[in-house]
Amino acid sequence: MFSLISIVHNEPEVDMKQLIQAPTGDRALLGTRLMQYVRSLMGGARSAALHIKVNAVKATGTVTLASFVADDTVTINGVVLTGKASPAGEAQFAVGVSDTADAAALAAAINAHSTLSLMVVASSALGVVTLTAILPGYLGNAVTLAISAHGSVSAARMAGGTNGAVQTSHYFGVAS
């Protein structure tokens, strides 16, 4: 079970980014800034509605390879991965052995990719790569999928992600 916390506020977006944004990977700083923001809500310095949702679901999608060959591509959220007999770099993966081996190589490339690994987790079975959004919720449904040839994708976008149901809401500052 996944829980989501959403904050509805009336402050300009720029102010919110400055309040809680941290350099990529600096979870400690992000946690500190988020804690400071929540303290400002509790102290009445800011107004917002905080909704805690439960049973959020991660979006999923599949890429099925069928006799994938060198120079065929898979595109995930605009990031192009190219099959190569001798791959070089994070945007290429090995192909040419079998659909099962090619799918395993594609899944490994996705999981090691500097951008894609922040969005999805990939696993493979036979010639199918299953993608699961890192974060639960509707956001994962926006991840696009495409294949150039020799296979198929489950849909143009990953699907099934939901934000869950509101379990409780708290209002800070101005009453809503």
Protein backbone atom coordinates (compact mmCIF):
# COMPACT_ATOMS: atom_id res chain seq x y z
CA MET A 1 0.00 0.00 0.00
CA PHE A 2 1.28 3.43 -0.92
CA SER A 3 0.23 6.72 0.62
CA LEU A 4 0.37 10.14 -1.01
CA ILE A 5 0.37 13.51 0.63
CA SER A 6 -0.80 16.40 -1.50
CA ILE A 7 -0.64 20.04 -0.53
CA VAL A 8 -3.06 22.51 -2.07
CA HIS A 9 -1.93 26.09 -1.62
CA ASN A 10 -2.45 29.54 -3.08
CA GLU A 11 1.20 30.66 -3.16
CA PRO A 12 2.98 31.30 -6.46
CA GLU A 13 4.76 28.26 -7.91
CA VAL A 14 8.14 29.98 -7.79
CA ASP A 15 7.80 30.49 -4.04
CA MET A 16 6.99 26.80 -3.48
CA LYS A 17 9.98 25.65 -5.52
CA GLN A 18 12.27 27.93 -3.53
CA LEU A 19 10.79 26.66 -0.27
CA ILE A 20 11.27 22.94 -0.79
CA GLN A 21 13.47 22.29 -3.85
CA ALA A 22 16.85 20.64 -3.26
CA PRO A 23 19.64 19.51 -5.58
CA THR A 24 18.92 16.14 -7.21
CA GLY A 25 19.77 13.32 -4.86
CA ASP A 26 20.03 15.46 -1.73
CA ARG A 27 17.19 13.81 0.15
CA ALA A 28 18.38 15.10 3.52
CA LEU A 29 18.14 18.72 2.38
CA LEU A 30 14.79 18.09 0.70
CA GLY A 31 13.51 16.50 3.92
CA THR A 32 14.73 19.44 5.97
CA ARG A 33 13.09 21.99 3.66
CA LEU A 34 9.84 20.05 3.56
CA MET A 35 9.83 19.82 7.36
CA GLN A 36 10.39 23.59 7.60
CA TYR A 37 7.48 24.16 5.22
CA VAL A 38 5.15 21.92 7.26
CA ARG A 39 6.23 23.74 10.44
CA SER A 40 5.33 27.07 8.78
CA LEU A 41 1.86 25.63 8.04
CA MET A 42 1.40 24.43 11.60
CA GLY A 43 2.56 27.77 12.98
CA GLY A 44 0.05 29.69 10.86
CA ALA A 45 2.66 31.47 8.72
CA ARG A 46 1.23 29.88 5.57
CA SER A 47 -2.14 28.57 4.48
CA ALA A 48 -2.79 25.30 2.69
CA ALA A 49 -4.88 22.18 2.67
CA LEU A 50 -3.01 18.93 3.30
CA HIS A 51 -4.67 15.77 1.95
CA ILE A 52 -3.42 12.34 2.95
CA LYS A 53 -4.44 9.66 0.48
CA VAL A 54 -4.08 5.88 0.84
CA ASN A 55 -3.97 2.94 -1.58
CA ALA A 56 -2.18 4.84 -4.34
CA VAL A 57 -1.16 2.64 -7.29
CA LYS A 58 1.91 2.82 -9.54
CA ALA A 59 1.39 3.04 -13.31
CA THR A 60 2.74 0.24 -15.49
CA GLY A 61 3.39 -0.47 -19.15
CA THR A 62 5.08 -3.10 -21.29
CA VAL A 63 7.41 -3.26 -24.25
CA THR A 64 7.31 -6.53 -26.18
CA LEU A 65 10.26 -7.34 -28.45
CA ALA A 66 9.71 -9.55 -31.52
CA SER A 67 12.91 -10.27 -33.48
CA PHE A 68 14.36 -6.89 -32.47
CA VAL A 69 17.39 -5.96 -34.58
CA ALA A 70 20.24 -3.45 -34.43
CA ASP A 71 19.13 0.17 -34.82
CA ASP A 72 15.53 -0.54 -33.72
CA THR A 73 14.55 1.85 -30.93
CA VAL A 74 12.41 2.00 -27.83
CA THR A 75 11.40 5.46 -26.62
CA ILE A 76 10.35 6.02 -23.02
CA ASN A 77 9.16 9.50 -22.10
CA GLY A 78 11.19 11.00 -24.94
CA VAL A 79 14.40 9.09 -24.11
CA VAL A 80 15.47 6.95 -27.07
CA LEU A 81 17.21 3.64 -26.41
CA THR A 82 18.76 1.97 -29.46
CA GLY A 83 19.49 -1.72 -29.93
CA LYS A 84 23.07 -2.37 -31.05
CA ALA A 85 25.18 -5.48 -31.70
CA SER A 86 27.98 -3.75 -29.73
CA PRO A 87 26.33 -1.19 -27.43
CA ALA A 88 28.23 1.84 -26.18
CA GLY A 89 26.82 4.35 -23.69
CA GLU A 90 23.65 4.46 -21.66
CA ALA A 91 21.35 5.04 -24.65
CA GLN A 92 22.18 1.66 -26.24
CA PHE A 93 21.54 -1.96 -25.33
CA ALA A 94 22.63 -5.33 -26.73
CA VAL A 95 20.44 -7.08 -29.30
CA GLY A 96 20.72 -10.03 -31.61
CA VAL A 97 20.80 -13.05 -29.30
CA SER A 98 17.11 -13.74 -28.60
CA ASP A 99 14.03 -11.78 -27.62
CA THR A 100 14.52 -12.94 -24.03
CA ALA A 101 18.16 -11.80 -23.89
CA ASP A 102 17.37 -8.56 -25.74
CA ALA A 103 14.56 -7.76 -23.28
CA ALA A 104 16.87 -8.44 -20.33
CA ALA A 105 19.46 -6.09 -21.86
CA LEU A 106 16.79 -3.41 -22.43
CA ALA A 107 15.57 -3.71 -18.82
CA ALA A 108 19.14 -3.41 -17.53
CA ALA A 109 19.74 -0.33 -19.72
CA ILE A 110 16.57 1.33 -18.43
CA ASN A 111 17.46 0.64 -14.79
CA ALA A 112 20.99 2.01 -15.28
CA HIS A 113 19.96 5.08 -17.32
CA SER A 114 20.59 8.39 -15.53
CA THR A 115 17.16 9.80 -16.45
CA LEU A 116 14.90 6.78 -16.86
CA SER A 117 15.99 5.19 -13.57
CA LEU A 118 14.44 8.19 -11.78
CA MET A 119 11.04 7.54 -13.44
CA VAL A 120 10.60 3.79 -13.86
CA VAL A 121 11.87 0.39 -12.81
CA ALA A 122 12.14 -2.26 -15.53
CA SER A 123 11.98 -6.04 -15.30
CA SER A 124 11.92 -8.64 -18.07
CA ALA A 125 10.45 -12.05 -18.70
CA LEU A 126 10.82 -13.82 -22.03
CA GLY A 127 10.67 -11.01 -24.62
CA VAL A 128 8.61 -8.61 -22.52
CA VAL A 129 9.90 -5.66 -20.49
CA THR A 130 7.54 -4.47 -17.77
CA LEU A 131 7.91 -0.86 -16.65
CA THR A 132 6.62 0.31 -13.27
CA ALA A 133 6.59 3.97 -12.25
CA ILE A 134 8.88 4.82 -9.34
CA LEU A 135 6.20 6.96 -7.70
CA PRO A 136 2.58 5.95 -7.21
CA GLY A 137 -0.21 8.12 -8.57
CA TYR A 138 -1.56 9.60 -11.77
CA LEU A 139 1.82 11.10 -12.66
CA GLY A 140 3.09 7.73 -13.90
CA ASN A 141 0.25 7.62 -16.44
CA ALA A 142 1.98 10.45 -18.31
CA VAL A 143 5.09 8.38 -19.16
CA THR A 144 5.03 7.80 -22.93
CA LEU A 145 6.03 4.57 -24.67
CA ALA A 146 6.94 3.90 -28.31
CA ILE A 147 8.83 1.33 -30.37
CA SER A 148 10.21 1.83 -33.89
CA ALA A 149 9.77 -1.72 -35.23
CA HIS A 150 9.86 -5.42 -34.36
CA GLY A 151 7.65 -5.30 -31.31
CA SER A 152 4.90 -3.41 -29.58
CA VAL A 153 4.09 -1.35 -26.51
CA SER A 154 1.07 -1.83 -24.26
CA ALA A 155 -0.20 1.69 -25.08
CA ALA A 156 1.10 5.14 -25.98
CA ARG A 157 1.35 5.88 -22.24
CA MET A 158 1.79 3.85 -19.09
CA ALA A 159 -1.52 3.29 -17.31
CA GLY A 160 -3.17 2.21 -14.08
CA GLY A 161 -1.63 4.78 -11.75
CA THR A 162 -4.07 6.24 -9.23
CA ASN A 163 -3.66 8.73 -6.41
CA GLY A 164 -5.74 6.66 -4.00
CA ALA A 165 -8.58 7.82 -1.79
CA VAL A 166 -8.47 10.72 0.66
CA GLN A 167 -8.26 9.31 4.14
CA THR A 168 -7.98 12.62 5.94
CA SER A 169 -7.55 16.33 5.22
CA HIS A 170 -6.10 19.09 7.36
CA TYR A 171 -6.50 22.81 6.74
CA PHE A 172 -3.92 25.33 7.86
CA GLY A 173 -4.16 29.10 7.93
CA VAL A 174 -7.33 30.30 6.17
CA ALA A 175 -10.26 27.89 6.57
CA SER A 176 -11.38 26.16 3.36
